[in-house]
């Protein structure tokens, strides 16, 4: 198993079968970069609140 962990130690993705497809890893990295970019600046608080809601709204 290969894991993708961000700078805060949060597990972002797990690739369980052999080496992951490069396209999947690139997609996951792109999502993390987008999240970092969106959480900075004036809109950061709004983005973080929306992200928190989205994470817990499915439970």
N, C-alpha and C. Protein backbone atom coordinates (compact mmCIF):
# COMPACT_ATOMS: atom_id res chain seq x y z
N UNK A 1 0.85 -1.16 0.00
CA UNK A 1 0.00 0.00 0.00
C UNK A 1 0.90 1.24 0.00
N UNK A 2 0.49 2.25 -0.76
CA UNK A 2 1.17 3.54 -0.79
C UNK A 2 0.18 4.58 -0.29
N UNK A 3 0.66 5.50 0.55
CA UNK A 3 -0.20 6.54 1.11
C UNK A 3 0.30 7.91 0.69
N UNK A 4 -0.64 8.82 0.47
CA UNK A 4 -0.34 10.22 0.19
C UNK A 4 -0.74 11.01 1.43
N UNK A 5 0.26 11.61 2.10
CA UNK A 5 0.06 12.33 3.35
C UNK A 5 0.48 13.78 3.14
N UNK A 6 -0.34 14.73 3.61
CA UNK A 6 0.00 16.14 3.43
C UNK A 6 0.99 16.61 4.49
N UNK A 7 1.38 17.88 4.42
CA UNK A 7 2.37 18.44 5.33
C UNK A 7 1.94 18.47 6.78
N UNK A 8 0.64 18.36 7.03
CA UNK A 8 0.12 18.33 8.40
C UNK A 8 -0.03 16.91 8.94
N UNK A 9 0.38 15.93 8.15
CA UNK A 9 0.28 14.54 8.57
C UNK A 9 -1.09 13.92 8.34
N UNK A 10 -1.92 14.58 7.54
CA UNK A 10 -3.27 14.06 7.26
C UNK A 10 -3.21 13.14 6.05
N UNK A 11 -3.74 11.94 6.21
CA UNK A 11 -3.80 10.98 5.11
C UNK A 11 -4.77 11.49 4.06
N UNK A 12 -4.31 11.67 2.84
CA UNK A 12 -5.14 12.20 1.77
C UNK A 12 -5.59 11.14 0.78
N UNK A 13 -4.80 10.11 0.59
CA UNK A 13 -5.17 9.06 -0.36
C UNK A 13 -4.41 7.79 -0.01
N UNK A 14 -5.02 6.66 -0.34
CA UNK A 14 -4.38 5.37 -0.20
C UNK A 14 -4.50 4.65 -1.52
N UNK A 15 -3.40 4.09 -1.94
CA UNK A 15 -3.37 3.30 -3.18
C UNK A 15 -3.01 1.88 -2.75
N UNK A 16 -4.00 0.99 -2.79
CA UNK A 16 -3.86 -0.32 -2.15
C UNK A 16 -3.30 -1.42 -3.05
N UNK A 17 -3.35 -1.26 -4.34
CA UNK A 17 -2.94 -2.36 -5.22
C UNK A 17 -1.74 -1.97 -6.05
N UNK A 18 -0.58 -2.46 -5.69
CA UNK A 18 0.63 -2.21 -6.46
C UNK A 18 0.94 -0.74 -6.61
N UNK A 19 1.62 -0.40 -7.67
CA UNK A 19 1.94 1.00 -7.93
C UNK A 19 0.71 1.70 -8.51
N UNK A 20 0.40 2.89 -7.99
CA UNK A 20 -0.78 3.61 -8.48
C UNK A 20 -0.56 4.16 -9.88
N UNK A 21 -1.64 4.34 -10.59
CA UNK A 21 -1.60 4.97 -11.90
C UNK A 21 -1.16 6.42 -11.73
N UNK A 22 -0.23 6.86 -12.55
CA UNK A 22 0.30 8.22 -12.46
C UNK A 22 -0.81 9.26 -12.58
N UNK A 23 -1.82 8.99 -13.40
CA UNK A 23 -2.93 9.94 -13.57
C UNK A 23 -3.71 10.13 -12.28
N UNK A 24 -3.90 9.05 -11.53
CA UNK A 24 -4.62 9.15 -10.26
C UNK A 24 -3.82 9.97 -9.24
N UNK A 25 -2.52 9.72 -9.17
CA UNK A 25 -1.68 10.46 -8.24
C UNK A 25 -1.65 11.94 -8.62
N UNK A 26 -1.53 12.23 -9.92
CA UNK A 26 -1.52 13.63 -10.38
C UNK A 26 -2.84 14.31 -10.04
N UNK A 27 -3.95 13.60 -10.21
CA UNK A 27 -5.26 14.16 -9.86
C UNK A 27 -5.34 14.48 -8.38
N UNK A 28 -4.90 13.54 -7.54
CA UNK A 28 -4.95 13.74 -6.09
C UNK A 28 -4.05 14.90 -5.65
N UNK A 29 -2.86 14.99 -6.23
CA UNK A 29 -1.98 16.11 -5.91
C UNK A 29 -2.59 17.43 -6.36
N UNK A 30 -3.22 17.44 -7.52
CA UNK A 30 -3.89 18.64 -7.99
C UNK A 30 -4.99 19.09 -7.05
N UNK A 31 -5.75 18.14 -6.51
CA UNK A 31 -6.80 18.48 -5.55
C UNK A 31 -6.23 19.09 -4.28
N UNK A 32 -5.11 18.54 -3.82
CA UNK A 32 -4.47 19.09 -2.62
C UNK A 32 -3.95 20.49 -2.89
N UNK A 33 -3.30 20.70 -4.04
CA UNK A 33 -2.81 22.04 -4.38
C UNK A 33 -3.95 23.04 -4.49
N UNK A 34 -5.06 22.62 -5.09
CA UNK A 34 -6.23 23.50 -5.18
C UNK A 34 -6.74 23.87 -3.79
N UNK A 35 -6.76 22.89 -2.90
CA UNK A 35 -7.24 23.15 -1.54
C UNK A 35 -6.34 24.17 -0.84
N UNK A 36 -5.04 24.02 -0.99
CA UNK A 36 -4.10 24.97 -0.37
C UNK A 36 -4.31 26.36 -0.94
N UNK A 37 -4.43 26.45 -2.25
CA UNK A 37 -4.62 27.74 -2.92
C UNK A 37 -5.94 28.39 -2.48
N UNK A 38 -7.00 27.63 -2.39
CA UNK A 38 -8.32 28.16 -2.04
C UNK A 38 -8.43 28.53 -0.56
N UNK A 39 -7.60 27.94 0.28
CA UNK A 39 -7.73 28.20 1.72
C UNK A 39 -6.88 29.39 2.16
N UNK A 40 -6.19 30.04 1.24
CA UNK A 40 -5.37 31.20 1.58
C UNK A 40 -6.07 32.49 1.13
N UNK A 41 -5.67 33.59 1.71
CA UNK A 41 -6.20 34.88 1.28
C UNK A 41 -7.53 35.21 1.92
N UNK A 42 -8.20 36.21 1.34
CA UNK A 42 -9.45 36.74 1.91
C UNK A 42 -10.56 35.71 1.96
N UNK A 43 -10.64 34.85 0.96
CA UNK A 43 -11.71 33.85 0.93
C UNK A 43 -11.40 32.60 1.71
N UNK A 44 -10.26 32.57 2.39
CA UNK A 44 -9.83 31.37 3.10
C UNK A 44 -10.79 30.89 4.16
N UNK A 45 -11.34 31.82 4.96
CA UNK A 45 -12.27 31.42 6.02
C UNK A 45 -13.55 30.84 5.44
N UNK A 46 -14.04 31.44 4.37
CA UNK A 46 -15.26 30.93 3.73
C UNK A 46 -14.99 29.55 3.15
N UNK A 47 -13.85 29.39 2.50
CA UNK A 47 -13.51 28.09 1.91
C UNK A 47 -13.38 27.04 3.01
N UNK A 48 -12.68 27.38 4.09
CA UNK A 48 -12.50 26.41 5.18
C UNK A 48 -13.83 26.02 5.81
N UNK A 49 -14.73 26.97 6.00
CA UNK A 49 -16.05 26.67 6.56
C UNK A 49 -16.84 25.75 5.62
N UNK A 50 -16.80 26.04 4.33
CA UNK A 50 -17.51 25.21 3.36
C UNK A 50 -16.91 23.81 3.31
N UNK A 51 -15.59 23.73 3.39
CA UNK A 51 -14.92 22.43 3.37
C UNK A 51 -15.29 21.62 4.61
N UNK A 52 -15.29 22.26 5.77
CA UNK A 52 -15.67 21.57 7.00
C UNK A 52 -17.10 21.06 6.91
N UNK A 53 -18.02 21.89 6.41
CA UNK A 53 -19.40 21.47 6.24
C UNK A 53 -19.51 20.28 5.29
N UNK A 54 -18.79 20.35 4.17
CA UNK A 54 -18.84 19.28 3.18
C UNK A 54 -18.30 17.98 3.75
N UNK A 55 -17.28 18.06 4.59
CA UNK A 55 -16.69 16.85 5.16
C UNK A 55 -17.63 16.14 6.13
N UNK A 56 -18.41 16.91 6.88
CA UNK A 56 -19.26 16.32 7.91
C UNK A 56 -20.74 16.26 7.54
N UNK A 57 -21.12 16.80 6.40
CA UNK A 57 -22.51 16.81 5.99
C UNK A 57 -22.99 15.42 5.56
N UNK A 58 -22.07 14.54 5.20
CA UNK A 58 -22.46 13.22 4.72
C UNK A 58 -22.71 12.24 5.84
N UNK A 59 -22.40 12.61 7.09
CA UNK A 59 -22.59 11.68 8.21
C UNK A 59 -23.94 11.80 8.81
